[in-house]
Amino acid sequence: MNEVKIYTSATCPYCIKAKKLLQMLKLEYSEYNVDNAFDDMCKELSEKYNKQIQTVPQIIINDNYVGGYTDLEAMYKSGKLKELLH
């Protein structure tokens, strides 16, 4: 089973788009709202994945850093998303 994590904010339109795409792909995900812990999330993910994190959504699939909504969409359209899925 795939482990999909998405870090979101309640008012983020790209977060909504990312969740809709994941739902369309029938991928279950764990959502982490970071409205009250945004700076902590940025620091934690930046250190773990050696990326500069400054926005939401942030999407992790099977412990692979995907990025934001546009990254997820590009991976889906190119077929590379299938490589991350079990």
C-alpha atoms as a PDB file:
ATOM      1  CA  MET A   1       0.000   0.000   0.000  1.00  0.00           C
ATOM      2  CA  ASN A   2       1.199   3.492  -0.806  1.00  0.00           C
ATOM      3  CA  GLU A   3       1.949   6.026   1.891  1.00  0.00           C
ATOM      4  CA  VAL A   4       0.960   9.486   0.713  1.00  0.00           C
ATOM      5  CA  LYS A   5       1.375  12.529   2.945  1.00  0.00           C
ATOM      6  CA  ILE A   6       0.191  16.006   2.078  1.00  0.00           C
ATOM      7  CA  TYR A   7       0.930  19.089   4.151  1.00  0.00           C
ATOM      8  CA  THR A   8      -1.757  21.715   3.642  1.00  0.00           C
ATOM      9  CA  SER A   9      -3.266  25.007   4.686  1.00  0.00           C
ATOM     10  CA  ALA A  10      -7.014  25.558   5.004  1.00  0.00           C
ATOM     11  CA  THR A  11      -7.109  28.450   2.523  1.00  0.00           C
ATOM     12  CA  CYS A  12      -4.660  27.176  -0.101  1.00  0.00           C
ATOM     13  CA  PRO A  13      -6.218  26.640  -3.564  1.00  0.00           C
ATOM     14  CA  TYR A  14      -3.295  24.478  -4.707  1.00  0.00           C
ATOM     15  CA  CYS A  15      -3.809  22.236  -1.680  1.00  0.00           C
ATOM     16  CA  ILE A  16      -7.401  21.685  -2.775  1.00  0.00           C
ATOM     17  CA  LYS A  17      -6.270  20.895  -6.336  1.00  0.00           C
ATOM     18  CA  ALA A  18      -3.638  18.452  -5.079  1.00  0.00           C
ATOM     19  CA  LYS A  19      -6.153  16.620  -2.896  1.00  0.00           C
ATOM     20  CA  LYS A  20      -8.617  16.423  -5.803  1.00  0.00           C
ATOM     21  CA  LEU A  21      -5.927  14.935  -8.053  1.00  0.00           C
ATOM     22  CA  LEU A  22      -4.988  12.366  -5.394  1.00  0.00           C
ATOM     23  CA  GLN A  23      -8.667  11.488  -4.973  1.00  0.00           C
ATOM     24  CA  MET A  24      -9.126  11.175  -8.745  1.00  0.00           C
ATOM     25  CA  LEU A  25      -6.191   8.753  -8.774  1.00  0.00           C
ATOM     26  CA  LYS A  26      -7.858   6.846  -5.916  1.00  0.00           C
ATOM     27  CA  LEU A  27      -4.826   7.358  -3.678  1.00  0.00           C
ATOM     28  CA  GLU A  28      -5.514   7.459   0.034  1.00  0.00           C
ATOM     29  CA  TYR A  29      -3.493  10.102   1.843  1.00  0.00           C
ATOM     30  CA  SER A  30      -2.771  11.486   5.271  1.00  0.00           C
ATOM     31  CA  GLU A  31      -3.369  15.212   5.462  1.00  0.00           C
ATOM     32  CA  TYR A  32      -1.456  17.434   7.853  1.00  0.00           C
ATOM     33  CA  ASN A  33      -2.843  20.934   8.258  1.00  0.00           C
ATOM     34  CA  VAL A  34       0.077  23.194   9.102  1.00  0.00           C
ATOM     35  CA  ASP A  35      -1.776  26.473   9.627  1.00  0.00           C
ATOM     36  CA  ASN A  36      -0.468  26.586  13.205  1.00  0.00           C
ATOM     37  CA  ALA A  37       2.892  24.911  12.534  1.00  0.00           C
ATOM     38  CA  PHE A  38       3.982  26.210   9.119  1.00  0.00           C
ATOM     39  CA  ASP A  39       7.503  27.237  10.149  1.00  0.00           C
ATOM     40  CA  ASP A  40       8.069  23.899  11.896  1.00  0.00           C
ATOM     41  CA  MET A  41       6.905  21.990   8.807  1.00  0.00           C
ATOM     42  CA  CYS A  42       9.180  24.047   6.537  1.00  0.00           C
ATOM     43  CA  LYS A  43      12.176  23.406   8.758  1.00  0.00           C
ATOM     44  CA  GLU A  44      11.476  19.690   9.245  1.00  0.00           C
ATOM     45  CA  LEU A  45      10.897  18.919   5.553  1.00  0.00           C
ATOM     46  CA  SER A  46      13.770  21.159   4.422  1.00  0.00           C
ATOM     47  CA  GLU A  47      16.178  19.264   6.638  1.00  0.00           C
ATOM     48  CA  LYS A  48      14.805  15.807   5.806  1.00  0.00           C
ATOM     49  CA  TYR A  49      14.706  16.217   2.023  1.00  0.00           C
ATOM     50  CA  ASN A  50      17.484  18.804   1.606  1.00  0.00           C
ATOM     51  CA  LYS A  51      15.087  21.196  -0.162  1.00  0.00           C
ATOM     52  CA  GLN A  52      14.126  24.759   0.582  1.00  0.00           C
ATOM     53  CA  ILE A  53      10.471  24.476   1.622  1.00  0.00           C
ATOM     54  CA  GLN A  54       8.447  27.700   1.727  1.00  0.00           C
ATOM     55  CA  THR A  55       4.950  26.838   0.516  1.00  0.00           C
ATOM     56  CA  VAL A  56       2.084  24.372   0.753  1.00  0.00           C
ATOM     57  CA  PRO A  57       1.057  21.894  -0.373  1.00  0.00           C
ATOM     58  CA  GLN A  58       4.029  19.624   0.187  1.00  0.00           C
ATOM     59  CA  ILE A  59       3.528  16.086  -1.040  1.00  0.00           C
ATOM     60  CA  ILE A  60       5.500  13.007  -0.031  1.00  0.00           C
ATOM     61  CA  ILE A  61       4.831   9.610  -1.633  1.00  0.00           C
ATOM     62  CA  ASN A  62       6.421   6.486  -0.163  1.00  0.00           C
ATOM     63  CA  ASP A  63       9.041   8.695   1.516  1.00  0.00           C
ATOM     64  CA  ASN A  64       9.913  10.323  -1.829  1.00  0.00           C
ATOM     65  CA  TYR A  65       9.664  14.103  -1.956  1.00  0.00           C
ATOM     66  CA  VAL A  66       7.319  15.113  -4.787  1.00  0.00           C
ATOM     67  CA  GLY A  67       6.923  18.837  -4.128  1.00  0.00           C
ATOM     68  CA  GLY A  68       3.809  20.917  -4.623  1.00  0.00           C
ATOM     69  CA  TYR A  69       0.716  20.621  -6.768  1.00  0.00           C
ATOM     70  CA  THR A  70       2.376  21.562 -10.063  1.00  0.00           C
ATOM     71  CA  ASP A  71       5.104  18.978  -9.403  1.00  0.00           C
ATOM     72  CA  LEU A  72       2.488  16.300  -8.665  1.00  0.00           C
ATOM     73  CA  GLU A  73       0.516  17.200 -11.782  1.00  0.00           C
ATOM     74  CA  ALA A  74       3.645  17.137 -13.969  1.00  0.00           C
ATOM     75  CA  MET A  75       4.644  13.722 -12.589  1.00  0.00           C
ATOM     76  CA  TYR A  76       1.139  12.412 -13.273  1.00  0.00           C
ATOM     77  CA  LYS A  77       1.049  13.746 -16.844  1.00  0.00           C
ATOM     78  CA  SER A  78       4.543  12.426 -17.656  1.00  0.00           C
ATOM     79  CA  GLY A  79       3.834   8.976 -16.189  1.00  0.00           C
ATOM     80  CA  LYS A  80       6.616   9.321 -13.606  1.00  0.00           C
ATOM     81  CA  LEU A  81       4.126   9.197 -10.741  1.00  0.00           C
ATOM     82  CA  LYS A  82       3.536   5.492 -11.459  1.00  0.00           C
ATOM     83  CA  GLU A  83       7.215   4.831 -10.670  1.00  0.00           C
ATOM     84  CA  LEU A  84       6.698   6.024  -7.076  1.00  0.00           C
ATOM     85  CA  LEU A  85       3.598   3.925  -6.500  1.00  0.00           C
ATOM     86  CA  HIS A  86       3.503   0.285  -5.394  1.00  0.00           C
END
